[in-house]
C-alpha atoms as a PDB file:
ATOM      1  CA  MET A   1       0.072  -0.131   0.186  1.00  0.00           C
ATOM      2  CA  GLN A   2       1.160   3.435  -1.259  1.00  0.00           C
ATOM      3  CA  ARG A   3       1.871   5.436   1.705  1.00  0.00           C
ATOM      4  CA  THR A   4       1.067   9.422   1.487  1.00  0.00           C
ATOM      5  CA  MET A   5       2.745  11.881   3.713  1.00  0.00           C
ATOM      6  CA  ASN A   6       0.754  14.929   4.670  1.00  0.00           C
ATOM      7  CA  PHE A   7       2.811  18.222   6.116  1.00  0.00           C
ATOM      8  CA  PRO A   8       1.173  19.747   8.503  1.00  0.00           C
ATOM      9  CA  PHE A   9       2.809  23.357   7.271  1.00  0.00           C
ATOM     10  CA  LYS A  10       3.597  24.950   3.438  1.00  0.00           C
ATOM     11  CA  LEU A  11       7.459  25.334   2.631  1.00  0.00           C
ATOM     12  CA  THR A  12       8.207  28.684   0.863  1.00  0.00           C
ATOM     13  CA  LEU A  13      10.767  29.180  -1.975  1.00  0.00           C
ATOM     14  CA  SER A  14      12.725  30.708   0.973  1.00  0.00           C
ATOM     15  CA  ALA A  15      12.392  27.633   3.009  1.00  0.00           C
ATOM     16  CA  LEU A  16      13.586  25.501   0.664  1.00  0.00           C
ATOM     17  CA  LEU A  17      16.460  27.400  -0.286  1.00  0.00           C
ATOM     18  CA  LEU A  18      17.637  27.553   3.581  1.00  0.00           C
ATOM     19  CA  ILE A  19      17.633  24.022   3.381  1.00  0.00           C
ATOM     20  CA  ALA A  20      19.778  23.581   0.534  1.00  0.00           C
ATOM     21  CA  SER A  21      21.838  26.657   1.826  1.00  0.00           C
ATOM     22  CA  THR A  22      22.416  24.604   5.259  1.00  0.00           C
ATOM     23  CA  PRO A  23      25.582  22.899   6.429  1.00  0.00           C
ATOM     24  CA  LEU A  24      24.868  19.557   7.758  1.00  0.00           C
ATOM     25  CA  LEU A  25      27.547  19.771  10.941  1.00  0.00           C
ATOM     26  CA  ALA A  26      29.302  22.737  12.522  1.00  0.00           C
ATOM     27  CA  GLN A  27      32.604  23.633  10.523  1.00  0.00           C
ATOM     28  CA  ASP A  28      35.522  25.623  10.604  1.00  0.00           C
ATOM     29  CA  LYS A  29      34.083  27.887   8.624  1.00  0.00           C
ATOM     30  CA  ALA A  30      30.362  28.758   8.259  1.00  0.00           C
ATOM     31  CA  GLU A  31      29.577  28.283   4.031  1.00  0.00           C
ATOM     32  CA  LEU A  32      26.153  29.280   2.754  1.00  0.00           C
ATOM     33  CA  ASP A  33      24.723  28.845  -0.861  1.00  0.00           C
ATOM     34  CA  CYS A  34      25.000  31.876  -2.399  1.00  0.00           C
ATOM     35  CA  LEU A  35      24.132  33.282  -6.387  1.00  0.00           C
ATOM     36  CA  VAL A  36      26.074  35.834  -8.556  1.00  0.00           C
ATOM     37  CA  ARG A  37      24.150  38.411 -11.061  1.00  0.00           C
ATOM     38  CA  PRO A  38      25.351  41.457 -12.384  1.00  0.00           C
ATOM     39  CA  GLU A  39      25.170  44.527 -10.172  1.00  0.00           C
ATOM     40  CA  MET A  40      22.180  45.591 -12.279  1.00  0.00           C
ATOM     41  CA  TYR A  41      20.063  45.529 -15.401  1.00  0.00           C
ATOM     42  CA  ILE A  42      19.352  48.588 -17.473  1.00  0.00           C
ATOM     43  CA  GLU A  43      17.106  48.541 -20.563  1.00  0.00           C
ATOM     44  CA  LEU A  44      17.753  51.300 -22.966  1.00  0.00           C
ATOM     45  CA  SER A  45      15.179  53.237 -24.839  1.00  0.00           C
ATOM     46  CA  SER A  46      15.230  56.550 -27.167  1.00  0.00           C
ATOM     47  CA  PRO A  47      14.340  59.558 -25.538  1.00  0.00           C
ATOM     48  CA  VAL A  48      13.178  60.559 -28.995  1.00  0.00           C
ATOM     49  CA  ASP A  49      10.632  59.490 -31.550  1.00  0.00           C
ATOM     50  CA  THR A  50      12.621  58.275 -34.800  1.00  0.00           C
ATOM     51  CA  THR A  51      14.259  54.939 -36.588  1.00  0.00           C
ATOM     52  CA  LEU A  52      17.503  53.503 -35.531  1.00  0.00           C
ATOM     53  CA  LYS A  53      20.142  54.550 -37.636  1.00  0.00           C
ATOM     54  CA  GLU A  54      23.043  52.421 -36.952  1.00  0.00           C
ATOM     55  CA  MET A  55      23.783  50.243 -34.416  1.00  0.00           C
ATOM     56  CA  TYR A  56      27.234  49.723 -32.733  1.00  0.00           C
ATOM     57  CA  VAL A  57      27.293  47.342 -30.373  1.00  0.00           C
ATOM     58  CA  SER A  58      26.007  43.409 -30.415  1.00  0.00           C
ATOM     59  CA  ALA A  59      24.941  40.959 -27.855  1.00  0.00           C
ATOM     60  CA  GLY A  60      27.567  39.971 -25.925  1.00  0.00           C
ATOM     61  CA  ASP A  61      30.114  42.736 -26.209  1.00  0.00           C
ATOM     62  CA  SER A  62      31.985  44.628 -23.469  1.00  0.00           C
ATOM     63  CA  ILE A  63      31.121  48.381 -23.028  1.00  0.00           C
ATOM     64  CA  ASN A  64      32.611  51.597 -21.215  1.00  0.00           C
ATOM     65  CA  LYS A  65      30.707  54.274 -19.414  1.00  0.00           C
ATOM     66  CA  GLY A  66      29.944  56.999 -22.165  1.00  0.00           C
ATOM     67  CA  GLN A  67      30.951  55.186 -25.056  1.00  0.00           C
ATOM     68  CA  PRO A  68      28.356  55.233 -27.670  1.00  0.00           C
ATOM     69  CA  LEU A  69      26.270  52.168 -28.757  1.00  0.00           C
ATOM     70  CA  VAL A  70      23.327  53.758 -31.180  1.00  0.00           C
ATOM     71  CA  ARG A  71      23.050  56.124 -33.598  1.00  0.00           C
ATOM     72  CA  LEU A  72      19.389  57.495 -34.307  1.00  0.00           C
ATOM     73  CA  GLU A  73      18.325  59.193 -37.419  1.00  0.00           C
ATOM     74  CA  ASP A  74      19.974  62.942 -37.628  1.00  0.00           C
ATOM     75  CA  ALA A  75      20.409  64.848 -40.363  1.00  0.00           C
ATOM     76  CA  VAL A  76      17.899  67.755 -39.352  1.00  0.00           C
ATOM     77  CA  GLU A  77      19.863  67.606 -36.235  1.00  0.00           C
ATOM     78  CA  TYR A  78      23.095  68.223 -37.869  1.00  0.00           C
ATOM     79  CA  ALA A  79      22.313  70.579 -40.313  1.00  0.00           C
ATOM     80  CA  LYS A  80      20.383  72.627 -37.367  1.00  0.00           C
ATOM     81  CA  VAL A  81      23.989  72.532 -35.244  1.00  0.00           C
ATOM     82  CA  GLU A  82      25.557  73.840 -39.004  1.00  0.00           C
ATOM     83  CA  LEU A  83      22.959  76.717 -39.279  1.00  0.00           C
ATOM     84  CA  HIS A  84      23.194  78.056 -35.778  1.00  0.00           C
ATOM     85  CA  LYS A  85      27.294  77.557 -36.326  1.00  0.00           C
ATOM     86  CA  ARG A  86      27.071  80.169 -38.857  1.00  0.00           C
ATOM     87  CA  GLN A  87      24.801  82.353 -37.196  1.00  0.00           C
ATOM     88  CA  ALA A  88      27.084  82.378 -34.059  1.00  0.00           C
ATOM     89  CA  GLU A  89      30.287  82.733 -35.550  1.00  0.00           C
ATOM     90  CA  SER A  90      29.148  85.549 -37.685  1.00  0.00           C
ATOM     91  CA  TRP A  91      30.518  89.266 -36.733  1.00  0.00           C
ATOM     92  CA  SER A  92      29.726  91.205 -39.692  1.00  0.00           C
ATOM     93  CA  GLU A  93      26.261  92.825 -37.976  1.00  0.00           C
ATOM     94  CA  ILE A  94      28.609  93.630 -34.853  1.00  0.00           C
ATOM     95  CA  GLU A  95      31.493  95.134 -37.078  1.00  0.00           C
ATOM     96  CA  ASN A  96      29.215  97.157 -39.035  1.00  0.00           C
ATOM     97  CA  ARG A  97      27.809  98.639 -35.468  1.00  0.00           C
ATOM     98  CA  ARG A  98      30.700  99.482 -34.246  1.00  0.00           C
ATOM     99  CA  VAL A  99      32.154 101.253 -37.609  1.00  0.00           C
ATOM    100  CA  GLN A 100      28.398 103.248 -37.578  1.00  0.00           C
ATOM    101  CA  LEU A 101      28.985 104.026 -33.836  1.00  0.00           C
ATOM    102  CA  LYS A 102      32.459 105.302 -34.606  1.00  0.00           C
ATOM    103  CA  TYR A 103      30.910 107.311 -37.024  1.00  0.00           C
ATOM    104  CA  ALA A 104      28.454 108.469 -35.219  1.00  0.00           C
ATOM    105  CA  LYS A 105      30.829 109.642 -32.364  1.00  0.00           C
ATOM    106  CA  ARG A 106      33.394 111.395 -34.725  1.00  0.00           C
ATOM    107  CA  ASN A 107      29.807 113.346 -36.183  1.00  0.00           C
ATOM    108  CA  LEU A 108      29.112 114.462 -32.826  1.00  0.00           C
ATOM    109  CA  GLN A 109      32.135 115.567 -31.936  1.00  0.00           C
ATOM    110  CA  ARG A 110      32.378 118.217 -35.159  1.00  0.00           C
ATOM    111  CA  MET A 111      28.971 119.153 -34.400  1.00  0.00           C
ATOM    112  CA  GLU A 112      30.350 120.290 -30.841  1.00  0.00           C
ATOM    113  CA  ASP A 113      33.243 122.114 -32.273  1.00  0.00           C
ATOM    114  CA  LEU A 114      31.187 123.615 -34.987  1.00  0.00           C
ATOM    115  CA  PHE A 115      28.277 124.803 -32.296  1.00  0.00           C
ATOM    116  CA  LYS A 116      30.689 126.497 -29.777  1.00  0.00           C
ATOM    117  CA  LYS A 117      31.607 128.543 -32.350  1.00  0.00           C
ATOM    118  CA  ASN A 118      27.948 129.248 -33.497  1.00  0.00           C
ATOM    119  CA  SER A 119      28.128 127.351 -36.980  1.00  0.00           C
ATOM    120  CA  VAL A 120      24.990 125.079 -36.195  1.00  0.00           C
ATOM    121  CA  SER A 121      21.974 125.009 -34.196  1.00  0.00           C
ATOM    122  CA  GLN A 122      21.026 122.857 -30.846  1.00  0.00           C
ATOM    123  CA  PHE A 123      18.844 121.062 -32.784  1.00  0.00           C
ATOM    124  CA  GLU A 124      21.731 119.523 -35.265  1.00  0.00           C
ATOM    125  CA  LYS A 125      23.586 119.152 -32.025  1.00  0.00           C
ATOM    126  CA  ASP A 126      21.146 116.957 -30.742  1.00  0.00           C
ATOM    127  CA  LYS A 127      20.219 115.472 -33.411  1.00  0.00           C
ATOM    128  CA  ALA A 128      24.119 113.954 -33.557  1.00  0.00           C
ATOM    129  CA  GLU A 129      24.017 113.050 -29.999  1.00  0.00           C
ATOM    130  CA  THR A 130      21.018 110.763 -30.425  1.00  0.00           C
ATOM    131  CA  GLU A 131      22.304 108.889 -33.614  1.00  0.00           C
ATOM    132  CA  VAL A 132      25.711 107.834 -31.082  1.00  0.00           C
ATOM    133  CA  SER A 133      22.798 106.735 -28.641  1.00  0.00           C
ATOM    134  CA  LEU A 134      20.994 105.371 -31.117  1.00  0.00           C
ATOM    135  CA  ALA A 135      24.574 103.252 -32.738  1.00  0.00           C
ATOM    136  CA  GLU A 136      24.916 102.337 -28.922  1.00  0.00           C
ATOM    137  CA  ILE A 137      21.900 100.646 -29.083  1.00  0.00           C
ATOM    138  CA  GLU A 138      22.279  99.218 -32.145  1.00  0.00           C
ATOM    139  CA  LEU A 139      25.808  97.627 -31.258  1.00  0.00           C
ATOM    140  CA  ILE A 140      23.883  96.268 -28.088  1.00  0.00           C
ATOM    141  CA  ARG A 141      21.287  94.592 -29.870  1.00  0.00           C
ATOM    142  CA  ALA A 142      23.967  92.886 -32.648  1.00  0.00           C
ATOM    143  CA  LYS A 143      25.554  91.631 -30.123  1.00  0.00           C
ATOM    144  CA  GLU A 144      22.953  90.222 -27.530  1.00  0.00           C
ATOM    145  CA  LYS A 145      21.514  88.546 -30.700  1.00  0.00           C
ATOM    146  CA  ARG A 146      24.929  86.890 -31.057  1.00  0.00           C
ATOM    147  CA  ASN A 147      24.457  85.306 -27.572  1.00  0.00           C
ATOM    148  CA  LEU A 148      21.216  84.241 -28.650  1.00  0.00           C
ATOM    149  CA  ALA A 149      22.650  82.480 -31.740  1.00  0.00           C
ATOM    150  CA  ASN A 150      25.634  80.955 -29.453  1.00  0.00           C
ATOM    151  CA  LEU A 151      22.670  79.650 -26.765  1.00  0.00           C
ATOM    152  CA  SER A 152      21.079  78.469 -30.421  1.00  0.00           C
ATOM    153  CA  LEU A 153      23.710  76.742 -31.051  1.00  0.00           C
ATOM    154  CA  GLU A 154      23.813  75.140 -27.843  1.00  0.00           C
ATOM    155  CA  GLN A 155      20.618  73.945 -27.913  1.00  0.00           C
ATOM    156  CA  ALA A 156      21.182  72.575 -31.222  1.00  0.00           C
ATOM    157  CA  LYS A 157      24.126  70.339 -30.428  1.00  0.00           C
ATOM    158  CA  ALA A 158      22.130  68.889 -27.343  1.00  0.00           C
ATOM    159  CA  GLU A 159      18.878  67.765 -29.832  1.00  0.00           C
ATOM    160  CA  LEU A 160      21.633  65.985 -31.959  1.00  0.00           C
ATOM    161  CA  ALA A 161      23.614  64.361 -28.725  1.00  0.00           C
ATOM    162  CA  LEU A 162      19.831  62.689 -27.930  1.00  0.00           C
ATOM    163  CA  ARG A 163      20.434  61.468 -31.539  1.00  0.00           C
ATOM    164  CA  THR A 164      23.509  59.329 -30.255  1.00  0.00           C
ATOM    165  CA  ILE A 165      22.852  57.151 -26.886  1.00  0.00           C
ATOM    166  CA  LYS A 166      25.977  56.071 -24.724  1.00  0.00           C
ATOM    167  CA  SER A 167      26.110  53.867 -22.414  1.00  0.00           C
ATOM    168  CA  PRO A 168      25.405  54.836 -18.864  1.00  0.00           C
ATOM    169  CA  ILE A 169      27.030  52.226 -17.224  1.00  0.00           C
ATOM    170  CA  ASN A 170      30.941  49.614 -17.538  1.00  0.00           C
ATOM    171  CA  GLY A 171      29.574  46.034 -18.432  1.00  0.00           C
ATOM    172  CA  ILE A 172      28.204  43.391 -21.209  1.00  0.00           C
ATOM    173  CA  VAL A 173      25.284  44.239 -23.605  1.00  0.00           C
ATOM    174  CA  VAL A 174      23.092  41.408 -23.080  1.00  0.00           C
ATOM    175  CA  ASP A 175      20.617  41.534 -25.938  1.00  0.00           C
ATOM    176  CA  THR A 176      19.732  44.139 -28.565  1.00  0.00           C
ATOM    177  CA  TYR A 177      15.918  44.313 -29.777  1.00  0.00           C
ATOM    178  CA  ALA A 178      15.867  47.220 -32.434  1.00  0.00           C
ATOM    179  CA  LYS A 179      17.379  46.923 -35.926  1.00  0.00           C
ATOM    180  CA  VAL A 180      18.644  49.952 -38.127  1.00  0.00           C
ATOM    181  CA  GLY A 181      16.041  51.409 -39.888  1.00  0.00           C
ATOM    182  CA  GLU A 182      13.150  50.561 -37.318  1.00  0.00           C
ATOM    183  CA  SER A 183      11.333  52.675 -35.440  1.00  0.00           C
ATOM    184  CA  VAL A 184      12.473  53.090 -31.549  1.00  0.00           C
ATOM    185  CA  ALA A 185       8.912  54.927 -30.629  1.00  0.00           C
ATOM    186  CA  GLU A 186       8.108  53.451 -26.956  1.00  0.00           C
ATOM    187  CA  ARG A 187      10.524  50.371 -27.296  1.00  0.00           C
ATOM    188  CA  THR A 188      14.003  48.726 -25.603  1.00  0.00           C
ATOM    189  CA  ILE A 189      16.394  49.130 -27.342  1.00  0.00           C
ATOM    190  CA  MET A 190      18.860  46.958 -26.141  1.00  0.00           C
ATOM    191  CA  LYS A 191      19.688  45.596 -22.469  1.00  0.00           C
ATOM    192  CA  LEU A 192      22.496  46.150 -20.528  1.00  0.00           C
ATOM    193  CA  ALA A 193      24.053  44.911 -17.447  1.00  0.00           C
ATOM    194  CA  GLN A 194      26.902  45.995 -15.128  1.00  0.00           C
ATOM    195  CA  VAL A 195      29.534  43.335 -14.265  1.00  0.00           C
ATOM    196  CA  ASP A 196      32.074  45.013 -12.150  1.00  0.00           C
ATOM    197  CA  PRO A 197      31.193  44.495  -9.466  1.00  0.00           C
ATOM    198  CA  LEU A 198      29.002  41.956  -9.363  1.00  0.00           C
ATOM    199  CA  ARG A 199      26.566  41.628  -6.577  1.00  0.00           C
ATOM    200  CA  ILE A 200      26.198  37.951  -4.335  1.00  0.00           C
ATOM    201  CA  GLU A 201      23.054  37.245  -2.882  1.00  0.00           C
ATOM    202  CA  LEU A 202      22.187  34.739  -0.305  1.00  0.00           C
ATOM    203  CA  ILE A 203      19.960  33.980   2.336  1.00  0.00           C
ATOM    204  CA  ALA A 204      20.856  33.281   5.485  1.00  0.00           C
ATOM    205  CA  PRO A 205      19.309  31.349   8.776  1.00  0.00           C
ATOM    206  CA  THR A 206      18.073  33.040  11.730  1.00  0.00           C
ATOM    207  CA  GLU A 207      21.016  31.913  13.572  1.00  0.00           C
ATOM    208  CA  TYR A 208      23.499  33.764  11.252  1.00  0.00           C
ATOM    209  CA  PHE A 209      21.657  36.984  12.714  1.00  0.00           C
ATOM    210  CA  GLY A 210      24.592  39.002  13.935  1.00  0.00           C
ATOM    211  CA  LEU A 211      27.076  37.301  13.128  1.00  0.00           C
ATOM    212  CA  ILE A 212      27.045  38.130   9.619  1.00  0.00           C
ATOM    213  CA  LYS A 213      27.700  42.420   9.352  1.00  0.00           C
ATOM    214  CA  LYS A 214      27.981  44.675   7.145  1.00  0.00           C
ATOM    215  CA  ASP A 215      31.357  45.466   5.478  1.00  0.00           C
ATOM    216  CA  MET A 216      32.449  42.050   6.500  1.00  0.00           C
ATOM    217  CA  GLU A 217      34.867  40.414   4.039  1.00  0.00           C
ATOM    218  CA  VAL A 218      33.865  37.347   2.688  1.00  0.00           C
ATOM    219  CA  GLU A 219      35.303  33.932   0.561  1.00  0.00           C
ATOM    220  CA  ILE A 220      33.342  33.550  -2.325  1.00  0.00           C
ATOM    221  CA  HIS A 221      33.757  29.962  -4.380  1.00  0.00           C
ATOM    222  CA  PRO A 222      31.389  30.524  -7.932  1.00  0.00           C
ATOM    223  CA  GLU A 223      31.151  27.950 -10.405  1.00  0.00           C
ATOM    224  CA  ARG A 224      32.816  29.114 -12.779  1.00  0.00           C
ATOM    225  CA  PRO A 225      35.468  29.628 -13.051  1.00  0.00           C
ATOM    226  CA  ALA A 226      36.060  26.534 -11.218  1.00  0.00           C
ATOM    227  CA  ASN A 227      38.467  25.999  -8.090  1.00  0.00           C
ATOM    228  CA  LYS A 228      39.023  29.905  -7.591  1.00  0.00           C
ATOM    229  CA  ALA A 229      37.993  32.059  -4.429  1.00  0.00           C
ATOM    230  CA  PHE A 230      37.581  35.985  -4.424  1.00  0.00           C
ATOM    231  CA  LYS A 231      37.357  38.298  -1.759  1.00  0.00           C
ATOM    232  CA  ALA A 232      33.677  39.771  -1.456  1.00  0.00           C
ATOM    233  CA  LYS A 233      31.937  42.568   0.738  1.00  0.00           C
ATOM    234  CA  VAL A 234      29.050  42.528   2.694  1.00  0.00           C
ATOM    235  CA  THR A 235      26.987  45.918   1.751  1.00  0.00           C
ATOM    236  CA  VAL A 236      23.268  44.843   3.046  1.00  0.00           C
ATOM    237  CA  VAL A 237      22.012  42.928   5.378  1.00  0.00           C
ATOM    238  CA  ASP A 238      18.472  42.591   5.795  1.00  0.00           C
ATOM    239  CA  GLN A 239      17.414  43.941   9.455  1.00  0.00           C
ATOM    240  CA  LEU A 240      13.762  42.074   9.159  1.00  0.00           C
ATOM    241  CA  ILE A 241      13.787  37.829   9.684  1.00  0.00           C
ATOM    242  CA  ASP A 242      11.162  36.127   7.481  1.00  0.00           C
ATOM    243  CA  PRO A 243       9.439  34.339   9.913  1.00  0.00           C
ATOM    244  CA  ALA A 244       7.994  32.044   7.407  1.00  0.00           C
ATOM    245  CA  SER A 245      11.392  30.239   6.649  1.00  0.00           C
ATOM    246  CA  GLY A 246      13.484  31.842   9.646  1.00  0.00           C
ATOM    247  CA  SER A 247      15.550  33.611   7.111  1.00  0.00           C
ATOM    248  CA  PHE A 248      16.979  36.545   6.052  1.00  0.00           C
ATOM    249  CA  THR A 249      18.596  37.994   3.172  1.00  0.00           C
ATOM    250  CA  VAL A 250      22.663  39.492   2.856  1.00  0.00           C
ATOM    251  CA  ARG A 251      23.492  41.026  -0.268  1.00  0.00           C
ATOM    252  CA  LEU A 252      27.257  41.800  -1.068  1.00  0.00           C
ATOM    253  CA  ALA A 253      29.800  43.611  -3.532  1.00  0.00           C
ATOM    254  CA  LEU A 254      32.593  41.252  -5.342  1.00  0.00           C
ATOM    255  CA  PRO A 255      34.961  43.718  -7.561  1.00  0.00           C
ATOM    256  CA  ASN A 256      35.240  42.145 -11.225  1.00  0.00           C
ATOM    257  CA  PRO A 257      38.214  44.092 -13.270  1.00  0.00           C
ATOM    258  CA  GLY A 258      38.384  42.873 -16.465  1.00  0.00           C
ATOM    259  CA  ASP A 259      35.021  40.711 -16.715  1.00  0.00           C
ATOM    260  CA  LYS A 260      36.747  37.697 -15.760  1.00  0.00           C
ATOM    261  CA  LEU A 261      34.097  36.492 -13.671  1.00  0.00           C
ATOM    262  CA  VAL A 262      30.118  35.967 -15.242  1.00  0.00           C
ATOM    263  CA  GLY A 263      26.827  36.341 -13.578  1.00  0.00           C
ATOM    264  CA  GLY A 264      24.417  34.130 -13.196  1.00  0.00           C
ATOM    265  CA  VAL A 265      26.503  31.349 -11.429  1.00  0.00           C
ATOM    266  CA  ASN A 266      25.942  29.551  -8.277  1.00  0.00           C
ATOM    267  CA  CYS A 267      28.637  29.936  -5.980  1.00  0.00           C
ATOM    268  CA  ILE A 268      29.735  28.884  -2.291  1.00  0.00           C
ATOM    269  CA  ALA A 269      30.272  31.991   0.520  1.00  0.00           C
ATOM    270  CA  GLN A 270      32.805  31.048   3.076  1.00  0.00           C
ATOM    271  CA  PHE A 271      32.836  33.019   6.388  1.00  0.00           C
ATOM    272  CA  ASP A 272      35.509  33.321   9.187  1.00  0.00           C
ATOM    273  CA  PHE A 273      33.404  32.079  11.885  1.00  0.00           C
ATOM    274  CA  LYS A 274      32.053  28.615  12.683  1.00  0.00           C
ATOM    275  CA  ALA A 275      28.628  27.678  11.816  1.00  0.00           C
ATOM    276  CA  PRO A 276      25.594  28.088  14.349  1.00  0.00           C
ATOM    277  CA  GLU A 277      26.080  24.734  16.640  1.00  0.00           C
ATOM    278  CA  GLY A 278      23.104  22.438  16.567  1.00  0.00           C
ATOM    279  CA  LEU A 279      21.537  24.237  13.924  1.00  0.00           C
ATOM    280  CA  SER A 280      21.758  21.965  11.215  1.00  0.00           C
ATOM    281  CA  ARG A 281      21.411  18.809  13.226  1.00  0.00           C
ATOM    282  CA  ASN A 282      18.480  20.254  14.965  1.00  0.00           C
ATOM    283  CA  LEU A 283      16.743  20.899  11.325  1.00  0.00           C
ATOM    284  CA  PHE A 284      17.588  17.799   9.727  1.00  0.00           C
ATOM    285  CA  GLY A 285      16.575  16.027  12.890  1.00  0.00           C
ATOM    286  CA  SER A 286      13.283  17.047  13.100  1.00  0.00           C
ATOM    287  CA  LEU A 287      12.827  15.566   9.206  1.00  0.00           C
ATOM    288  CA  ASN A 288      14.216  12.281  10.173  1.00  0.00           C
ATOM    289  CA  SER A 289      12.427  11.796  13.404  1.00  0.00           C
ATOM    290  CA  GLY A 290       8.794  11.833  11.754  1.00  0.00           C
ATOM    291  CA  SER A 291       7.841  14.877  13.006  1.00  0.00           C
ATOM    292  CA  ILE A 292       6.987  15.784   9.873  1.00  0.00           C
ATOM    293  CA  LYS A 293       4.341  13.290   8.324  1.00  0.00           C
END
């Protein structure tokens, strides 16, 4: 007769991971199963509604922060930059206004000399003074116009820069989702992963609470490359214990210069303290004693 086993409680995923990660006996150094992940994933999209003109990278390529990844359609924006550049570099109007001002000042000087000799009327002298003032205003206006042209040039350059999407991180290209000529409106163009540093995640039993501390150095043994150990530092220790599984989460940062390590592999975290006495024995003893039926 086949015997059915009824469990009085439901094992959660966290509890199963806890069982899998718990050492069978107290050791000289505590060990817990862990997982190596990229520090973050980023999905790049276009800030403007346009089409893809050129793709500079492919899936699997290593990338650096600030590296151009994608070029969008930019013919109109490039033309605007050239137009505003010509306007900003033009000095002809300012030079014209300067010449007019010099002439107006010389004319005023003549009118003042003639006025002193009673050779011209007050009206003619006032007219010459007004022409100087107007010439000064026109020169100021020409300079302001050139300043506005410089601002327009900067705006045009900023709009053109939006047509080249650059990498915000050092990492790798996970995948690309758009092809040259396709619209990039409201869609993801590519997915990136930051792999330096890598992120180590593990679930620790409650008995480890207080033993694992922030900034603690931990030895990591990943599946790949095999038979090699790396040093990681604890960055986050969850201050809330999950009552269902009797565990808490820990996060570590693992430097990865040169992208020698890969994400998405299992690992073992080895601590510089002994595993709590009786932890595994009590847990597995209850399983073997038939208390769970």
